[in-house]
Amino acid sequence: MATNVPSPYISRNPGDMITAGDWNNMQVDVKEDIASQIQTAIGNIQSVPHADNADKLGGQTPQQLTQSILDQAKEILPKRTGYLRSFNRLLVGKEKIIKHGLKAMPLCDVYELDYFPAICIDEENQLTPQWVNLFLYHTSEGTIKATVPGATAGTTVKVTAVIEPSDQTPFRVPFADMLAYYNVEITDTKSIDDLVTDFWTAFWRDPNDKFEFDQFGQSPWFKKCCDDSRSVKELKDRGDWDDLWLKLVPRKTVNQPTTITQTQEQLCSSKPPLPPPADWGYFFDGTQAPTQIQVAHHDFDQTGIKLVSEPFFPKNFLSDDQKINPFSRPANYKCDLKVMVLLKV
């Protein structure tokens, strides 16, 4: 008969009742037994030759080895990959320094942020038609219509802003993705008003530049949502959360000596040149973008971007005829170009 069979923690005979107290006491006994065996095992550990240096590798402690690996990684990673995206304002003749910290001279790509017509909420909480570079809107607002004061006192005009032209792939990024990219805290109880405020606050931090108030905005849907004090949870429950977008139109062309006004088919045809079709949209009318941009790498951590002359803009953007252009232009558009800068190593 075996003599090493352990005795039960709590002895019971067949048919005996096991009480809650028995169960609790057994758990305590098990924990105490395990702790006792661990202590006994530790006490039996014997020192062996060279054990004094067993906590080191190559003469380094774990902390020193970790720091050494991190230092090497900091030197190697920038040589392999790195990426930065920023949204900036370029003033004519003034270099914008982007402190990217990529430890290299990165490839630099610059896209003009085109102006597009929108109907926004101004600082006085009124609807206003204006040309903007950034715009928050809802899926239901592919086209926005509004009646606004006319150029003559006492008159009104009806204005239509096409946010998603039917003949173009939409320019838009999910609002939820932008919130995640800029680490904006999202809670179910947060109101959409607070969420929008927090987003713009985060968006205007370095390396981005803050745009003037008349160069970005949000739609009438956002105004109503804010007025109703809707929360994030309400938007999700109503199915609106995935229908929120940030529109921006980054665009670049291969700049030619003269403005291109013909389609590829027209350029390659022997027929007389024709004017661009009316449905090309407000920014695909041959206007070059970006224009006169200079890029300079000052060192491994700083890249300079400069607008060296006035930018070009579409004709209807520049028009003062309210019938052609009922949207207000930013005051400093002639010397202020908005761009999206991509840096990569």
Protein backbone atom coordinates (compact mmCIF):
# COMPACT_ATOMS: atom_id res chain seq x y z
CA MET A 1 0.00 0.00 0.00
CA ALA A 2 1.39 3.40 -0.95
CA THR A 3 2.61 5.56 1.89
CA ASN A 4 3.01 8.86 -0.08
CA VAL A 5 -0.68 9.42 -0.81
CA PRO A 6 -1.48 12.91 0.47
CA SER A 7 -4.19 13.24 3.06
CA PRO A 8 -7.31 15.26 2.18
CA TYR A 9 -7.52 18.86 3.29
CA ILE A 10 -10.92 18.18 4.84
CA SER A 11 -11.78 14.55 5.53
CA ARG A 12 -15.30 13.39 4.63
CA ASN A 13 -16.91 9.97 4.34
CA PRO A 14 -19.13 8.82 1.47
CA GLY A 15 -22.58 10.37 1.81
CA ASP A 16 -21.40 13.20 4.10
CA MET A 17 -22.64 16.72 3.23
CA ILE A 18 -20.07 19.23 1.96
CA THR A 19 -20.93 22.67 3.32
CA ALA A 20 -20.02 26.13 2.04
CA GLY A 21 -17.70 26.44 5.00
CA ASP A 22 -15.90 23.26 3.95
CA TRP A 23 -15.44 24.69 0.43
CA ASN A 24 -14.06 27.99 1.69
CA ASN A 25 -11.71 26.31 4.18
CA MET A 26 -10.41 23.96 1.48
CA GLN A 27 -9.49 26.95 -0.75
CA VAL A 28 -7.56 28.54 2.12
CA ASP A 29 -5.74 25.27 2.82
CA VAL A 30 -4.77 24.88 -0.83
CA LYS A 31 -3.34 28.42 -1.03
CA GLU A 32 -1.38 27.95 2.23
CA ASP A 33 -0.02 24.61 1.04
CA ILE A 34 1.17 26.08 -2.28
CA ALA A 35 2.82 29.04 -0.53
CA SER A 36 4.58 26.70 1.89
CA GLN A 37 5.95 24.52 -0.92
CA ILE A 38 7.23 27.58 -2.80
CA GLN A 39 9.06 28.85 0.28
CA THR A 40 10.60 25.42 0.85
CA ALA A 41 11.78 25.27 -2.79
CA ILE A 42 13.37 28.70 -2.58
CA GLY A 43 15.18 27.75 0.60
CA ASN A 44 16.68 24.69 -1.10
CA ILE A 45 18.25 26.69 -3.99
CA GLN A 46 22.04 26.37 -3.90
CA SER A 47 24.56 28.80 -5.38
CA VAL A 48 26.50 27.43 -8.34
CA PRO A 49 29.77 28.63 -9.93
CA HIS A 50 29.44 31.93 -11.85
CA ALA A 51 25.88 32.45 -10.52
CA ASP A 52 26.92 35.92 -9.36
CA ASN A 53 26.96 37.01 -13.02
CA ALA A 54 23.88 35.03 -14.09
CA ASP A 55 21.73 38.17 -14.06
CA LYS A 56 23.88 39.79 -16.77
CA LEU A 57 24.33 39.24 -20.50
CA GLY A 58 27.56 40.35 -22.04
CA GLY A 59 28.35 42.12 -18.80
CA GLN A 60 25.12 44.18 -19.01
CA THR A 61 22.18 44.16 -16.64
CA PRO A 62 18.69 43.66 -18.17
CA GLN A 63 18.09 47.42 -17.88
CA GLN A 64 21.35 48.26 -19.64
CA LEU A 65 20.69 45.69 -22.37
CA THR A 66 17.16 47.06 -22.96
CA GLN A 67 18.45 50.61 -23.27
CA SER A 68 21.18 49.48 -25.66
CA ILE A 69 18.60 47.81 -27.92
CA LEU A 70 16.36 50.89 -27.85
CA ASP A 71 19.28 53.17 -28.73
CA GLN A 72 20.16 50.99 -31.72
CA ALA A 73 16.51 50.91 -32.82
CA LYS A 74 16.35 54.72 -32.74
CA GLU A 75 19.30 54.81 -35.12
CA ILE A 76 18.04 52.09 -37.47
CA LEU A 77 14.29 52.76 -37.73
CA PRO A 78 14.54 56.26 -39.29
CA LYS A 79 16.74 54.73 -41.99
CA ARG A 80 14.02 52.23 -42.82
CA THR A 81 10.65 53.95 -42.47
CA GLY A 82 8.96 57.08 -41.24
CA TYR A 83 5.88 59.05 -42.22
CA LEU A 84 4.36 62.40 -41.41
CA ARG A 85 1.31 64.19 -42.79
CA SER A 86 0.65 67.83 -42.03
CA PHE A 87 -1.78 70.54 -43.13
CA ASN A 88 -0.15 73.92 -43.50
CA ARG A 89 -0.66 77.52 -44.59
CA LEU A 90 1.93 78.91 -46.97
CA LEU A 91 2.36 82.68 -47.20
CA VAL A 92 4.00 84.08 -50.33
CA GLY A 93 7.73 84.46 -49.83
CA LYS A 94 7.75 83.11 -46.25
CA GLU A 95 9.26 79.69 -45.64
CA LYS A 96 7.28 77.29 -43.47
CA ILE A 97 9.58 75.08 -41.38
CA ILE A 98 8.19 71.63 -40.59
CA LYS A 99 10.04 70.00 -37.69
CA HIS A 100 9.44 66.37 -38.57
CA GLY A 101 12.12 64.67 -36.44
CA LEU A 102 12.52 61.82 -38.95
CA LYS A 103 16.32 61.85 -38.62
CA ALA A 104 16.69 61.92 -42.40
CA MET A 105 15.96 64.02 -45.47
CA PRO A 106 12.54 62.60 -46.34
CA LEU A 107 10.80 62.42 -49.67
CA CYS A 108 8.41 65.36 -49.77
CA ASP A 109 5.13 65.59 -51.65
CA VAL A 110 2.96 68.71 -51.56
CA TYR A 111 -0.74 68.79 -52.47
CA GLU A 112 -2.76 71.97 -52.71
CA LEU A 113 -5.93 71.90 -50.64
CA ASP A 114 -8.47 73.15 -53.14
CA TYR A 115 -11.22 75.51 -52.10
CA PHE A 116 -14.71 74.11 -52.64
CA PRO A 117 -18.14 75.72 -52.10
CA ALA A 118 -20.04 74.85 -48.92
CA ILE A 119 -22.78 76.23 -46.71
CA CYS A 120 -21.40 76.61 -43.21
CA ILE A 121 -22.37 77.90 -39.80
CA ASP A 122 -20.55 81.17 -39.15
CA GLU A 123 -19.40 82.62 -35.81
CA GLU A 124 -22.83 84.16 -35.29
CA ASN A 125 -24.49 80.78 -35.82
CA GLN A 126 -25.89 81.82 -39.19
CA LEU A 127 -25.83 79.92 -42.48
CA THR A 128 -23.25 81.35 -44.84
CA PRO A 129 -22.14 80.21 -48.33
CA GLN A 130 -18.34 80.22 -48.52
CA TRP A 131 -15.31 78.65 -50.13
CA VAL A 132 -13.55 76.37 -47.65
CA ASN A 133 -10.68 73.87 -47.48
CA LEU A 134 -12.12 71.62 -44.75
CA PHE A 135 -15.76 70.76 -44.11
CA LEU A 136 -17.60 68.46 -41.70
CA TYR A 137 -20.89 67.15 -43.05
CA HIS A 138 -23.41 64.29 -43.01
CA THR A 139 -24.05 61.78 -45.81
CA SER A 140 -27.51 63.28 -46.33
CA GLU A 141 -25.88 66.58 -47.34
CA GLY A 142 -24.45 65.58 -50.71
CA THR A 143 -26.14 68.78 -51.90
CA ILE A 144 -26.96 71.64 -49.52
CA LYS A 145 -29.41 74.42 -50.34
CA ALA A 146 -30.01 77.61 -48.38
CA THR A 147 -31.60 81.04 -48.71
CA VAL A 148 -29.18 83.76 -47.66
CA PRO A 149 -29.03 87.58 -47.76
CA GLY A 150 -28.31 88.98 -51.24
CA ALA A 151 -25.75 91.60 -52.25
CA THR A 152 -28.45 94.29 -52.13
CA ALA A 153 -29.93 95.18 -48.75
CA GLY A 154 -33.30 93.54 -48.13
CA THR A 155 -32.88 90.89 -50.82
CA THR A 156 -32.27 87.16 -50.56
CA VAL A 157 -30.79 84.59 -52.90
CA LYS A 158 -31.05 80.82 -53.07
CA VAL A 159 -27.67 79.10 -53.01
CA THR A 160 -26.78 75.48 -53.74
CA ALA A 161 -23.51 73.86 -52.66
CA VAL A 162 -22.70 70.51 -54.27
CA ILE A 163 -20.61 68.71 -51.65
CA GLU A 164 -20.51 65.37 -53.49
CA PRO A 165 -20.73 65.93 -57.28
CA SER A 166 -22.44 62.99 -58.95
CA ASP A 167 -19.80 62.74 -61.66
CA GLN A 168 -16.82 62.49 -59.29
CA THR A 169 -15.53 60.07 -56.70
CA PRO A 170 -16.24 61.79 -53.36
CA PHE A 171 -13.43 63.54 -51.53
CA ARG A 172 -14.02 62.56 -47.93
CA VAL A 173 -12.51 60.85 -44.88
CA PRO A 174 -14.66 59.25 -42.13
CA PHE A 175 -14.92 61.62 -39.18
CA ALA A 176 -14.37 58.64 -36.84
CA ASP A 177 -11.02 57.93 -38.54
CA MET A 178 -9.92 61.54 -38.10
CA LEU A 179 -10.87 61.43 -34.42
CA ALA A 180 -8.80 58.28 -33.97
CA TYR A 181 -5.83 59.70 -35.91
CA TYR A 182 -5.68 62.77 -33.67
CA ASN A 183 -6.34 60.80 -30.47
CA VAL A 184 -9.58 62.61 -29.62
CA GLU A 185 -11.30 60.97 -26.66
CA ILE A 186 -14.68 59.49 -27.59
CA THR A 187 -17.22 58.56 -24.92
CA ASP A 188 -20.87 57.63 -25.31
CA THR A 189 -21.96 60.55 -23.14
CA LYS A 190 -19.93 63.22 -24.96
CA SER A 191 -22.04 65.62 -27.00
CA ILE A 192 -21.34 66.09 -30.70
CA ASP A 193 -20.74 69.78 -29.96
CA ASP A 194 -17.92 68.94 -27.53
CA LEU A 195 -16.59 66.29 -29.89
CA VAL A 196 -16.31 68.75 -32.78
CA THR A 197 -14.62 71.32 -30.53
CA ASP A 198 -12.11 68.73 -29.29
CA PHE A 199 -11.42 67.61 -32.86
CA TRP A 200 -10.58 71.07 -34.18
CA THR A 201 -8.44 71.74 -31.08
CA ALA A 202 -6.44 68.57 -31.74
CA PHE A 203 -6.31 69.16 -35.50
CA TRP A 204 -4.68 72.59 -35.17
CA ARG A 205 -1.78 71.35 -33.06
CA ASP A 206 1.75 71.07 -34.48
CA PRO A 207 2.77 70.21 -37.10
CA ASN A 208 -0.52 71.51 -38.56
CA ASP A 209 -1.17 75.23 -38.93
CA LYS A 210 -4.46 76.76 -37.85
CA PHE A 211 -6.54 78.02 -40.76
CA GLU A 212 -8.59 81.21 -40.59
CA PHE A 213 -12.17 80.73 -39.36
CA ASP A 214 -13.57 81.34 -42.86
CA GLN A 215 -11.50 78.52 -44.40
CA PHE A 216 -13.13 75.58 -42.60
CA GLY A 217 -16.50 74.78 -41.14
CA GLN A 218 -19.36 72.38 -40.48
CA SER A 219 -22.71 71.85 -42.11
CA PRO A 220 -26.32 72.67 -41.12
CA TRP A 221 -26.73 69.04 -39.99
CA PHE A 222 -24.02 69.58 -37.38
CA LYS A 223 -25.72 72.79 -36.26
CA LYS A 224 -29.02 70.99 -35.62
CA CYS A 225 -27.23 68.10 -33.95
CA CYS A 226 -25.40 70.49 -31.64
CA ASP A 227 -28.57 72.48 -30.92
CA ASP A 228 -30.28 69.22 -29.91
CA SER A 229 -27.32 68.31 -27.66
CA ARG A 230 -27.11 64.84 -29.11
CA SER A 231 -24.56 62.46 -27.63
CA VAL A 232 -22.21 60.04 -29.35
CA LYS A 233 -24.39 57.15 -28.18
CA GLU A 234 -27.47 58.75 -29.72
CA LEU A 235 -25.67 59.11 -33.05
CA LYS A 236 -24.60 55.48 -32.96
CA ASP A 237 -28.09 54.29 -31.99
CA ARG A 238 -29.62 56.34 -34.83
CA GLY A 239 -27.10 55.00 -37.36
CA ASP A 240 -25.57 58.44 -37.99
CA TRP A 241 -22.10 57.79 -36.59
CA ASP A 242 -20.78 56.18 -39.79
CA ASP A 243 -22.35 58.90 -41.95
CA LEU A 244 -20.12 61.74 -40.70
CA TRP A 245 -17.32 62.93 -42.98
CA LEU A 246 -14.52 65.45 -43.28
CA LYS A 247 -14.21 66.73 -46.83
CA LEU A 248 -10.86 67.94 -48.11
CA VAL A 249 -9.57 68.06 -51.69
CA PRO A 250 -5.79 67.50 -51.88
CA ARG A 251 -4.65 67.91 -55.47
CA LYS A 252 -1.41 68.03 -57.41
CA THR A 253 -0.68 68.42 -61.11
CA VAL A 254 2.41 68.04 -63.23
CA ASN A 255 2.83 71.75 -63.85
CA GLN A 256 3.25 72.82 -67.44
CA PRO A 257 4.49 76.21 -68.73
CA THR A 258 0.90 77.16 -69.62
CA THR A 259 -2.48 76.38 -68.14
CA ILE A 260 -4.04 73.20 -69.54
CA THR A 261 -7.61 73.70 -70.70
CA GLN A 262 -8.20 70.66 -72.93
CA THR A 263 -9.02 67.03 -72.27
CA GLN A 264 -6.57 64.34 -73.40
CA GLU A 265 -8.90 63.43 -76.29
CA GLN A 266 -9.04 67.05 -77.45
CA LEU A 267 -5.27 67.51 -77.16
CA CYS A 268 -4.65 64.43 -79.32
CA SER A 269 -7.31 65.33 -81.89
CA SER A 270 -6.86 67.29 -85.08
CA LYS A 271 -10.11 69.12 -84.40
CA PRO A 272 -10.05 72.76 -83.22
CA PRO A 273 -9.60 73.16 -79.43
CA LEU A 274 -12.78 73.26 -77.41
CA PRO A 275 -13.42 74.89 -74.04
CA PRO A 276 -13.45 72.50 -71.05
CA PRO A 277 -16.85 70.87 -70.38
CA ALA A 278 -19.05 72.64 -67.85
CA ASP A 279 -19.30 69.52 -65.72
CA TRP A 280 -15.57 69.33 -65.07
CA GLY A 281 -16.25 70.91 -61.72
CA TYR A 282 -14.81 73.95 -60.01
CA PHE A 283 -11.28 72.63 -59.53
CA PHE A 284 -10.72 70.49 -62.65
CA ASP A 285 -10.73 73.38 -65.09
CA GLY A 286 -7.02 73.19 -65.90
CA THR A 287 -5.81 75.27 -62.95
CA GLN A 288 -2.36 74.12 -61.92
CA ALA A 289 -1.80 72.90 -58.38
CA PRO A 290 0.28 73.28 -56.38
CA THR A 291 1.93 76.30 -57.95
CA GLN A 292 5.40 77.68 -57.36
CA ILE A 293 6.26 75.52 -54.35
CA GLN A 294 9.85 75.30 -53.14
CA VAL A 295 11.02 72.47 -50.84
CA ALA A 296 14.33 72.62 -48.95
CA HIS A 297 15.84 70.20 -46.43
CA HIS A 298 17.71 72.21 -43.78
CA ASP A 299 18.94 69.19 -41.83
CA PHE A 300 17.80 65.72 -40.78
CA ASP A 301 14.93 67.10 -38.68
CA GLN A 302 13.60 70.15 -40.55
CA THR A 303 12.10 70.66 -43.99
CA GLY A 304 11.18 74.06 -45.38
CA ILE A 305 8.21 74.67 -47.72
CA LYS A 306 7.85 78.02 -49.48
CA LEU A 307 5.25 79.54 -51.79
CA VAL A 308 7.36 81.75 -54.05
CA SER A 309 4.58 83.57 -55.91
CA GLU A 310 0.82 84.08 -55.95
CA PRO A 311 -1.11 80.83 -56.48
CA PHE A 312 -3.54 80.23 -59.33
CA PHE A 313 -7.27 79.76 -58.71
CA PRO A 314 -10.25 78.70 -60.88
CA LYS A 315 -12.14 81.46 -62.68
CA ASN A 316 -15.43 80.99 -60.85
CA PHE A 317 -13.61 81.18 -57.51
CA LEU A 318 -12.22 84.58 -58.55
CA SER A 319 -15.48 85.88 -60.03
CA ASP A 320 -17.23 88.78 -58.27
CA ASP A 321 -20.49 88.11 -60.10
CA GLN A 322 -22.89 86.77 -57.47
CA LYS A 323 -24.78 84.78 -60.10
CA ILE A 324 -21.60 82.91 -61.00
CA ASN A 325 -20.04 82.90 -57.56
CA PRO A 326 -22.46 83.39 -54.64
CA PHE A 327 -19.84 82.02 -52.21
CA SER A 328 -17.60 84.34 -50.20
CA ARG A 329 -13.82 84.08 -50.58
CA PRO A 330 -11.33 84.19 -47.70
CA ALA A 331 -9.89 87.67 -47.29
CA ASN A 332 -6.24 86.63 -47.72
CA TYR A 333 -6.57 84.02 -50.49
CA LYS A 334 -4.07 85.80 -52.80
CA CYS A 335 -1.11 85.27 -50.51
CA ASP A 336 -2.24 82.28 -48.44
CA LEU A 337 -2.18 78.76 -49.89
CA LYS A 338 -3.31 75.75 -47.90
CA VAL A 339 -1.44 72.50 -48.55
CA MET A 340 -1.20 68.91 -47.39
CA VAL A 341 2.44 67.89 -46.96
CA LEU A 342 3.49 64.23 -46.99
CA LEU A 343 6.95 63.31 -45.70
CA LYS A 344 8.32 59.77 -45.91
CA VAL A 345 11.62 57.98 -45.42
